[in-house]
Amino acid sequence: MLYILCMSKATFVVFLILFAAPLHASELTTAITHLESDWASVYYQSDETRQKQTYPVLLEKAAELTKRYPNAAEPKIWQATLMATNAAFQSALSALSSLEAAKALLEQAIEQNPNALDGAAYVTLGTLYYMVPGWPVSFGDNQLAEQMLKASLKINPDGIDANYFYADYLLQQDRNAEAEEYLRKAVQAPLRKQQIFADSQLQNEAKMALASTQQRKANAGKNKFQALFTSATYKAD
């Protein structure tokens, strides 16, 4: 089948794991790690053709893990993440339906284990709340977004994901000075051994966002000085 030909070696390993004998808890952790690794390798390549082909394959694997481990929060978090990522390639109505389903999965994951994957369900749900449209189109809600993202920071105050996405939310709200603090923490966050590639990519994004924020602040100060100078010159004339 075409999608098997498109899979990386790591993805094929995950395929074998998921459809072999029932997994033990340690094997679930391994499967989740591979799933994250395969997603990151596709997501950060920005190859839309490959993304469009691979996301549904990974989503199927995550859904299978969720079925095998109904009481585990981790597969639900990754199933929701893949649903949200894949929504970019769906029609508007299908995308909204996928995002609603992702939201429900994340809420279930939080109910089962809010600390799973260092509070990742809160990060993902909070990000969805500030990125999707609000009522009556969808469930977007900035207050709930901040609530979820702050909850993730309580669980993992030094985590790169929690700090980066809270900073991104603050930037969306034009709270740039606050965002700088969390971008710095994201830049300084230790990279996780199991997620070095994804963390290093996100850390690079945090560095670029921090540089951009600092540049805007510098430009704002320059413009304010120029305005004062112009005003003083005008008065002198």
C-alpha atoms as a PDB file:
ATOM      1  CA  MET A   1       0.000   0.000   0.000  1.00  0.00           C
ATOM      2  CA  LEU A   2       1.166   3.541  -0.760  1.00  0.00           C
ATOM      3  CA  TYR A   3       1.180   4.769   2.830  1.00  0.00           C
ATOM      4  CA  ILE A   4       3.500   1.944   3.875  1.00  0.00           C
ATOM      5  CA  LEU A   5       5.966   2.984   1.173  1.00  0.00           C
ATOM      6  CA  CYS A   6       5.866   6.547   2.542  1.00  0.00           C
ATOM      7  CA  MET A   7       6.578   5.524   6.116  1.00  0.00           C
ATOM      8  CA  SER A   8       9.974   6.110   7.673  1.00  0.00           C
ATOM      9  CA  LYS A   9      11.835   3.220   9.288  1.00  0.00           C
ATOM     10  CA  ALA A  10      10.823   4.512  12.739  1.00  0.00           C
ATOM     11  CA  THR A  11       7.170   4.679  11.691  1.00  0.00           C
ATOM     12  CA  PHE A  12       7.326   1.106  10.451  1.00  0.00           C
ATOM     13  CA  VAL A  13       8.699   0.031  13.825  1.00  0.00           C
ATOM     14  CA  VAL A  14       5.689   1.660  15.491  1.00  0.00           C
ATOM     15  CA  PHE A  15       3.406  -0.123  13.006  1.00  0.00           C
ATOM     16  CA  LEU A  16       4.858  -3.476  14.035  1.00  0.00           C
ATOM     17  CA  ILE A  17       4.574  -2.646  17.725  1.00  0.00           C
ATOM     18  CA  LEU A  18       0.940  -1.577  17.525  1.00  0.00           C
ATOM     19  CA  PHE A  19      -0.275  -4.629  15.648  1.00  0.00           C
ATOM     20  CA  ALA A  20       1.720  -7.230  17.526  1.00  0.00           C
ATOM     21  CA  ALA A  21       0.657  -8.881  20.782  1.00  0.00           C
ATOM     22  CA  PRO A  22      -1.013  -6.709  23.479  1.00  0.00           C
ATOM     23  CA  LEU A  23       1.457  -4.208  24.898  1.00  0.00           C
ATOM     24  CA  HIS A  24       2.742  -3.924  28.440  1.00  0.00           C
ATOM     25  CA  ALA A  25       2.935  -0.527  30.132  1.00  0.00           C
ATOM     26  CA  SER A  26       6.631  -0.099  29.275  1.00  0.00           C
ATOM     27  CA  GLU A  27       5.866  -0.941  25.652  1.00  0.00           C
ATOM     28  CA  LEU A  28       3.093   1.655  25.668  1.00  0.00           C
ATOM     29  CA  THR A  29       5.688   4.243  26.681  1.00  0.00           C
ATOM     30  CA  THR A  30       7.922   3.104  23.834  1.00  0.00           C
ATOM     31  CA  ALA A  31       5.055   3.285  21.340  1.00  0.00           C
ATOM     32  CA  ILE A  32       4.140   6.801  22.498  1.00  0.00           C
ATOM     33  CA  THR A  33       7.782   7.888  22.153  1.00  0.00           C
ATOM     34  CA  HIS A  34       7.979   6.556  18.595  1.00  0.00           C
ATOM     35  CA  LEU A  35       4.643   8.134  17.723  1.00  0.00           C
ATOM     36  CA  GLU A  36       5.886  11.518  18.959  1.00  0.00           C
ATOM     37  CA  SER A  37       9.160  11.102  17.080  1.00  0.00           C
ATOM     38  CA  ASP A  38       7.426  10.244  13.805  1.00  0.00           C
ATOM     39  CA  TRP A  39       5.012  13.139  14.164  1.00  0.00           C
ATOM     40  CA  ALA A  40       7.827  15.605  14.866  1.00  0.00           C
ATOM     41  CA  SER A  41       9.903  14.433  11.901  1.00  0.00           C
ATOM     42  CA  VAL A  42       6.968  15.133   9.579  1.00  0.00           C
ATOM     43  CA  TYR A  43       5.566  18.234  11.288  1.00  0.00           C
ATOM     44  CA  TYR A  44       8.830  20.188  11.329  1.00  0.00           C
ATOM     45  CA  GLN A  45       9.738  19.306   7.736  1.00  0.00           C
ATOM     46  CA  SER A  46       6.900  21.494   6.401  1.00  0.00           C
ATOM     47  CA  ASP A  47       6.412  19.085   3.493  1.00  0.00           C
ATOM     48  CA  GLU A  48       2.640  19.332   3.072  1.00  0.00           C
ATOM     49  CA  THR A  49       2.405  16.358   0.719  1.00  0.00           C
ATOM     50  CA  ARG A  50       4.175  14.104   3.205  1.00  0.00           C
ATOM     51  CA  GLN A  51       2.167  15.539   6.101  1.00  0.00           C
ATOM     52  CA  LYS A  52      -1.110  14.897   4.300  1.00  0.00           C
ATOM     53  CA  GLN A  53      -0.081  11.276   3.679  1.00  0.00           C
ATOM     54  CA  THR A  54       1.443  10.543   7.085  1.00  0.00           C
ATOM     55  CA  TYR A  55      -0.854  12.199   9.626  1.00  0.00           C
ATOM     56  CA  PRO A  56      -3.797   9.838   8.951  1.00  0.00           C
ATOM     57  CA  VAL A  57      -1.458   6.848   9.316  1.00  0.00           C
ATOM     58  CA  LEU A  58      -0.171   8.088  12.671  1.00  0.00           C
ATOM     59  CA  LEU A  59      -3.701   9.003  13.732  1.00  0.00           C
ATOM     60  CA  GLU A  60      -4.815   5.432  13.090  1.00  0.00           C
ATOM     61  CA  LYS A  61      -2.000   4.148  15.276  1.00  0.00           C
ATOM     62  CA  ALA A  62      -2.888   6.556  18.084  1.00  0.00           C
ATOM     63  CA  ALA A  63      -6.553   5.516  17.877  1.00  0.00           C
ATOM     64  CA  GLU A  64      -5.496   1.862  18.121  1.00  0.00           C
ATOM     65  CA  LEU A  65      -3.453   2.647  21.239  1.00  0.00           C
ATOM     66  CA  THR A  66      -6.436   4.449  22.756  1.00  0.00           C
ATOM     67  CA  LYS A  67      -8.585   1.338  22.193  1.00  0.00           C
ATOM     68  CA  ARG A  68      -5.968  -0.945  23.706  1.00  0.00           C
ATOM     69  CA  TYR A  69      -5.415   1.302  26.713  1.00  0.00           C
ATOM     70  CA  PRO A  70      -8.802   2.871  27.541  1.00  0.00           C
ATOM     71  CA  ASN A  71      -7.640   3.796  31.045  1.00  0.00           C
ATOM     72  CA  ALA A  72      -4.415   5.498  29.913  1.00  0.00           C
ATOM     73  CA  ALA A  73      -4.369   9.229  29.239  1.00  0.00           C
ATOM     74  CA  GLU A  74      -1.259   9.289  27.026  1.00  0.00           C
ATOM     75  CA  PRO A  75      -2.762   7.713  23.872  1.00  0.00           C
ATOM     76  CA  LYS A  76      -5.734  10.080  24.068  1.00  0.00           C
ATOM     77  CA  ILE A  77      -3.391  13.074  24.243  1.00  0.00           C
ATOM     78  CA  TRP A  78      -1.572  11.959  21.104  1.00  0.00           C
ATOM     79  CA  GLN A  79      -4.761  11.018  19.292  1.00  0.00           C
ATOM     80  CA  ALA A  80      -6.084  14.523  20.016  1.00  0.00           C
ATOM     81  CA  THR A  81      -2.801  16.138  18.935  1.00  0.00           C
ATOM     82  CA  LEU A  82      -2.856  14.275  15.627  1.00  0.00           C
ATOM     83  CA  MET A  83      -6.528  15.134  15.079  1.00  0.00           C
ATOM     84  CA  ALA A  84      -5.750  18.807  15.564  1.00  0.00           C
ATOM     85  CA  THR A  85      -2.700  18.662  13.294  1.00  0.00           C
ATOM     86  CA  ASN A  86      -4.520  16.768  10.564  1.00  0.00           C
ATOM     87  CA  ALA A  87      -7.430  19.236  10.667  1.00  0.00           C
ATOM     88  CA  ALA A  88      -5.329  21.620   8.549  1.00  0.00           C
ATOM     89  CA  PHE A  89      -5.878  19.295   5.588  1.00  0.00           C
ATOM     90  CA  GLN A  90      -9.625  18.827   6.051  1.00  0.00           C
ATOM     91  CA  SER A  91     -12.605  20.817   4.851  1.00  0.00           C
ATOM     92  CA  ALA A  92     -13.865  23.508   7.232  1.00  0.00           C
ATOM     93  CA  LEU A  93     -16.744  21.405   8.571  1.00  0.00           C
ATOM     94  CA  SER A  94     -14.630  18.256   8.942  1.00  0.00           C
ATOM     95  CA  ALA A  95     -11.883  20.251  10.649  1.00  0.00           C
ATOM     96  CA  LEU A  96     -14.297  21.723  13.197  1.00  0.00           C
ATOM     97  CA  SER A  97     -15.658  18.242  13.908  1.00  0.00           C
ATOM     98  CA  SER A  98     -12.116  16.909  14.387  1.00  0.00           C
ATOM     99  CA  LEU A  99     -11.247  19.739  16.768  1.00  0.00           C
ATOM    100  CA  GLU A 100     -14.369  19.069  18.831  1.00  0.00           C
ATOM    101  CA  ALA A 101     -13.411  15.394  19.025  1.00  0.00           C
ATOM    102  CA  ALA A 102      -9.854  16.346  20.024  1.00  0.00           C
ATOM    103  CA  LYS A 103     -11.208  18.584  22.772  1.00  0.00           C
ATOM    104  CA  ALA A 104     -13.332  15.722  24.145  1.00  0.00           C
ATOM    105  CA  LEU A 105     -10.337  13.361  24.171  1.00  0.00           C
ATOM    106  CA  LEU A 106      -8.184  15.908  26.010  1.00  0.00           C
ATOM    107  CA  GLU A 107     -10.892  16.451  28.615  1.00  0.00           C
ATOM    108  CA  GLN A 108     -11.055  12.684  29.159  1.00  0.00           C
ATOM    109  CA  ALA A 109      -7.267  12.531  29.474  1.00  0.00           C
ATOM    110  CA  ILE A 110      -7.295  15.288  32.108  1.00  0.00           C
ATOM    111  CA  GLU A 111      -9.985  13.430  34.036  1.00  0.00           C
ATOM    112  CA  GLN A 112      -7.959  10.225  33.975  1.00  0.00           C
ATOM    113  CA  ASN A 113      -4.519  11.663  34.682  1.00  0.00           C
ATOM    114  CA  PRO A 114      -3.896  15.432  34.552  1.00  0.00           C
ATOM    115  CA  ASN A 115      -0.153  14.872  35.048  1.00  0.00           C
ATOM    116  CA  ALA A 116       0.250  12.565  32.049  1.00  0.00           C
ATOM    117  CA  LEU A 117       3.109  13.573  29.727  1.00  0.00           C
ATOM    118  CA  ASP A 118       3.942  16.443  32.115  1.00  0.00           C
ATOM    119  CA  GLY A 119       0.511  18.059  31.737  1.00  0.00           C
ATOM    120  CA  ALA A 120       0.501  17.910  27.931  1.00  0.00           C
ATOM    121  CA  ALA A 121      -3.296  17.628  27.779  1.00  0.00           C
ATOM    122  CA  TYR A 122      -3.603  21.053  29.400  1.00  0.00           C
ATOM    123  CA  VAL A 123      -1.069  22.530  26.948  1.00  0.00           C
ATOM    124  CA  THR A 124      -2.851  21.129  23.898  1.00  0.00           C
ATOM    125  CA  LEU A 125      -6.338  21.984  25.117  1.00  0.00           C
ATOM    126  CA  GLY A 126      -5.276  25.497  26.094  1.00  0.00           C
ATOM    127  CA  THR A 127      -3.697  26.001  22.687  1.00  0.00           C
ATOM    128  CA  LEU A 128      -6.882  24.852  20.954  1.00  0.00           C
ATOM    129  CA  TYR A 129      -8.950  27.267  23.053  1.00  0.00           C
ATOM    130  CA  TYR A 130      -7.018  30.304  21.829  1.00  0.00           C
ATOM    131  CA  MET A 131      -6.462  29.139  18.253  1.00  0.00           C
ATOM    132  CA  VAL A 132      -9.931  27.984  17.179  1.00  0.00           C
ATOM    133  CA  PRO A 133     -12.776  30.436  16.473  1.00  0.00           C
ATOM    134  CA  GLY A 134     -15.120  31.319  19.300  1.00  0.00           C
ATOM    135  CA  TRP A 135     -18.875  30.844  19.559  1.00  0.00           C
ATOM    136  CA  PRO A 136     -21.008  30.354  17.452  1.00  0.00           C
ATOM    137  CA  VAL A 137     -18.446  28.843  15.050  1.00  0.00           C
ATOM    138  CA  SER A 138     -16.470  26.764  17.543  1.00  0.00           C
ATOM    139  CA  PHE A 139     -15.371  26.533  21.189  1.00  0.00           C
ATOM    140  CA  GLY A 140     -12.571  29.140  21.218  1.00  0.00           C
ATOM    141  CA  ASP A 141     -12.298  30.944  24.554  1.00  0.00           C
ATOM    142  CA  ASN A 142      -9.315  33.045  25.655  1.00  0.00           C
ATOM    143  CA  GLN A 143     -10.136  32.863  29.362  1.00  0.00           C
ATOM    144  CA  LEU A 144     -10.274  29.080  29.293  1.00  0.00           C
ATOM    145  CA  ALA A 145      -7.099  29.040  27.210  1.00  0.00           C
ATOM    146  CA  GLU A 146      -5.225  30.945  29.913  1.00  0.00           C
ATOM    147  CA  GLN A 147      -6.704  28.740  32.613  1.00  0.00           C
ATOM    148  CA  MET A 148      -5.563  25.544  30.854  1.00  0.00           C
ATOM    149  CA  LEU A 149      -2.090  26.873  30.037  1.00  0.00           C
ATOM    150  CA  LYS A 150      -1.531  28.058  33.605  1.00  0.00           C
ATOM    151  CA  ALA A 151      -2.603  24.615  34.831  1.00  0.00           C
ATOM    152  CA  SER A 152       0.092  23.073  32.621  1.00  0.00           C
ATOM    153  CA  LEU A 153       2.691  25.432  34.090  1.00  0.00           C
ATOM    154  CA  LYS A 154       1.758  24.359  37.630  1.00  0.00           C
ATOM    155  CA  ILE A 155       2.451  20.757  36.659  1.00  0.00           C
ATOM    156  CA  ASN A 156       5.618  21.458  34.666  1.00  0.00           C
ATOM    157  CA  PRO A 157       6.861  25.006  35.384  1.00  0.00           C
ATOM    158  CA  ASP A 158      10.164  24.517  33.541  1.00  0.00           C
ATOM    159  CA  GLY A 159       8.797  22.582  30.567  1.00  0.00           C
ATOM    160  CA  ILE A 160       9.490  23.891  27.084  1.00  0.00           C
ATOM    161  CA  ASP A 161       5.957  23.183  25.793  1.00  0.00           C
ATOM    162  CA  ALA A 162       4.137  24.808  28.707  1.00  0.00           C
ATOM    163  CA  ASN A 163       6.285  27.944  28.590  1.00  0.00           C
ATOM    164  CA  TYR A 164       6.359  28.336  24.819  1.00  0.00           C
ATOM    165  CA  PHE A 165       2.622  27.987  24.268  1.00  0.00           C
ATOM    166  CA  TYR A 166       1.701  30.213  27.198  1.00  0.00           C
ATOM    167  CA  ALA A 167       4.081  32.817  25.768  1.00  0.00           C
ATOM    168  CA  ASP A 168       2.470  32.410  22.348  1.00  0.00           C
ATOM    169  CA  TYR A 169      -0.953  32.927  23.911  1.00  0.00           C
ATOM    170  CA  LEU A 170       0.286  36.095  25.632  1.00  0.00           C
ATOM    171  CA  LEU A 171       1.674  37.406  22.342  1.00  0.00           C
ATOM    172  CA  GLN A 172      -1.711  36.821  20.725  1.00  0.00           C
ATOM    173  CA  GLN A 173      -3.189  38.991  23.486  1.00  0.00           C
ATOM    174  CA  ASP A 174      -0.569  41.731  22.932  1.00  0.00           C
ATOM    175  CA  ARG A 175       0.890  41.040  26.371  1.00  0.00           C
ATOM    176  CA  ASN A 176       4.421  41.105  25.022  1.00  0.00           C
ATOM    177  CA  ALA A 177       6.257  42.018  28.206  1.00  0.00           C
ATOM    178  CA  GLU A 178       4.743  39.015  30.015  1.00  0.00           C
ATOM    179  CA  ALA A 179       5.434  36.774  27.036  1.00  0.00           C
ATOM    180  CA  GLU A 180       9.166  37.548  27.157  1.00  0.00           C
ATOM    181  CA  GLU A 181       9.529  35.915  30.568  1.00  0.00           C
ATOM    182  CA  TYR A 182       8.035  32.630  29.354  1.00  0.00           C
ATOM    183  CA  LEU A 183       9.906  32.681  26.056  1.00  0.00           C
ATOM    184  CA  ARG A 184      13.163  32.979  28.009  1.00  0.00           C
ATOM    185  CA  LYS A 185      12.175  29.995  30.128  1.00  0.00           C
ATOM    186  CA  ALA A 186      11.352  28.019  26.980  1.00  0.00           C
ATOM    187  CA  VAL A 187      14.747  28.899  25.495  1.00  0.00           C
ATOM    188  CA  GLN A 188      16.496  27.789  28.695  1.00  0.00           C
ATOM    189  CA  ALA A 189      14.411  24.629  29.220  1.00  0.00           C
ATOM    190  CA  PRO A 190      16.344  21.338  29.243  1.00  0.00           C
ATOM    191  CA  LEU A 191      15.751  19.119  26.214  1.00  0.00           C
ATOM    192  CA  ARG A 192      14.075  15.808  27.021  1.00  0.00           C
ATOM    193  CA  LYS A 193      16.158  12.768  26.023  1.00  0.00           C
ATOM    194  CA  GLN A 194      13.190  11.024  24.444  1.00  0.00           C
ATOM    195  CA  GLN A 195      12.105  14.132  22.517  1.00  0.00           C
ATOM    196  CA  ILE A 196      15.349  15.874  21.587  1.00  0.00           C
ATOM    197  CA  PHE A 197      14.383  16.611  17.981  1.00  0.00           C
ATOM    198  CA  ALA A 198      10.926  18.035  18.761  1.00  0.00           C
ATOM    199  CA  ASP A 199      12.215  20.009  21.749  1.00  0.00           C
ATOM    200  CA  SER A 200      15.132  21.475  19.794  1.00  0.00           C
ATOM    201  CA  GLN A 201      12.771  22.578  17.012  1.00  0.00           C
ATOM    202  CA  LEU A 202      10.383  24.200  19.481  1.00  0.00           C
ATOM    203  CA  GLN A 203      13.306  25.828  21.275  1.00  0.00           C
ATOM    204  CA  ASN A 204      14.416  27.372  17.978  1.00  0.00           C
ATOM    205  CA  GLU A 205      10.906  28.767  17.514  1.00  0.00           C
ATOM    206  CA  ALA A 206      11.062  30.196  21.032  1.00  0.00           C
ATOM    207  CA  LYS A 207      14.400  31.875  20.239  1.00  0.00           C
ATOM    208  CA  MET A 208      12.973  33.437  17.084  1.00  0.00           C
ATOM    209  CA  ALA A 209       9.837  34.598  18.904  1.00  0.00           C
ATOM    210  CA  LEU A 210      11.937  36.104  21.700  1.00  0.00           C
ATOM    211  CA  ALA A 211      14.171  37.936  19.212  1.00  0.00           C
ATOM    212  CA  SER A 212      11.120  39.241  17.359  1.00  0.00           C
ATOM    213  CA  THR A 213       9.486  40.416  20.592  1.00  0.00           C
ATOM    214  CA  GLN A 214      12.654  42.199  21.704  1.00  0.00           C
ATOM    215  CA  GLN A 215      12.989  43.835  18.279  1.00  0.00           C
ATOM    216  CA  ARG A 216       9.393  45.092  18.439  1.00  0.00           C
ATOM    217  CA  LYS A 217      10.088  46.502  21.900  1.00  0.00           C
ATOM    218  CA  ALA A 218      13.213  48.250  20.634  1.00  0.00           C
ATOM    219  CA  ASN A 219      11.328  49.674  17.660  1.00  0.00           C
ATOM    220  CA  ALA A 220       8.511  50.849  19.918  1.00  0.00           C
ATOM    221  CA  GLY A 221      11.006  52.697  22.123  1.00  0.00           C
ATOM    222  CA  LYS A 222      12.666  54.244  19.086  1.00  0.00           C
ATOM    223  CA  ASN A 223       9.318  55.333  17.654  1.00  0.00           C
ATOM    224  CA  LYS A 224       8.308  56.842  21.006  1.00  0.00           C
ATOM    225  CA  PHE A 225      11.573  58.813  21.147  1.00  0.00           C
ATOM    226  CA  GLN A 226      11.123  59.978  17.568  1.00  0.00           C
ATOM    227  CA  ALA A 227       7.557  61.061  18.340  1.00  0.00           C
ATOM    228  CA  LEU A 228       8.767  63.056  21.341  1.00  0.00           C
ATOM    229  CA  PHE A 229      11.543  64.625  19.272  1.00  0.00           C
ATOM    230  CA  THR A 230       9.111  65.496  16.475  1.00  0.00           C
ATOM    231  CA  SER A 231       6.682  66.989  18.992  1.00  0.00           C
ATOM    232  CA  ALA A 232       9.445  69.063  20.613  1.00  0.00           C
ATOM    233  CA  THR A 233      10.590  70.328  17.209  1.00  0.00           C
ATOM    234  CA  TYR A 234       7.024  71.196  16.264  1.00  0.00           C
ATOM    235  CA  LYS A 235       6.564  73.190  19.480  1.00  0.00           C
ATOM    236  CA  ALA A 236       9.852  75.031  18.935  1.00  0.00           C
ATOM    237  CA  ASP A 237       8.704  76.071  15.475  1.00  0.00           C
END
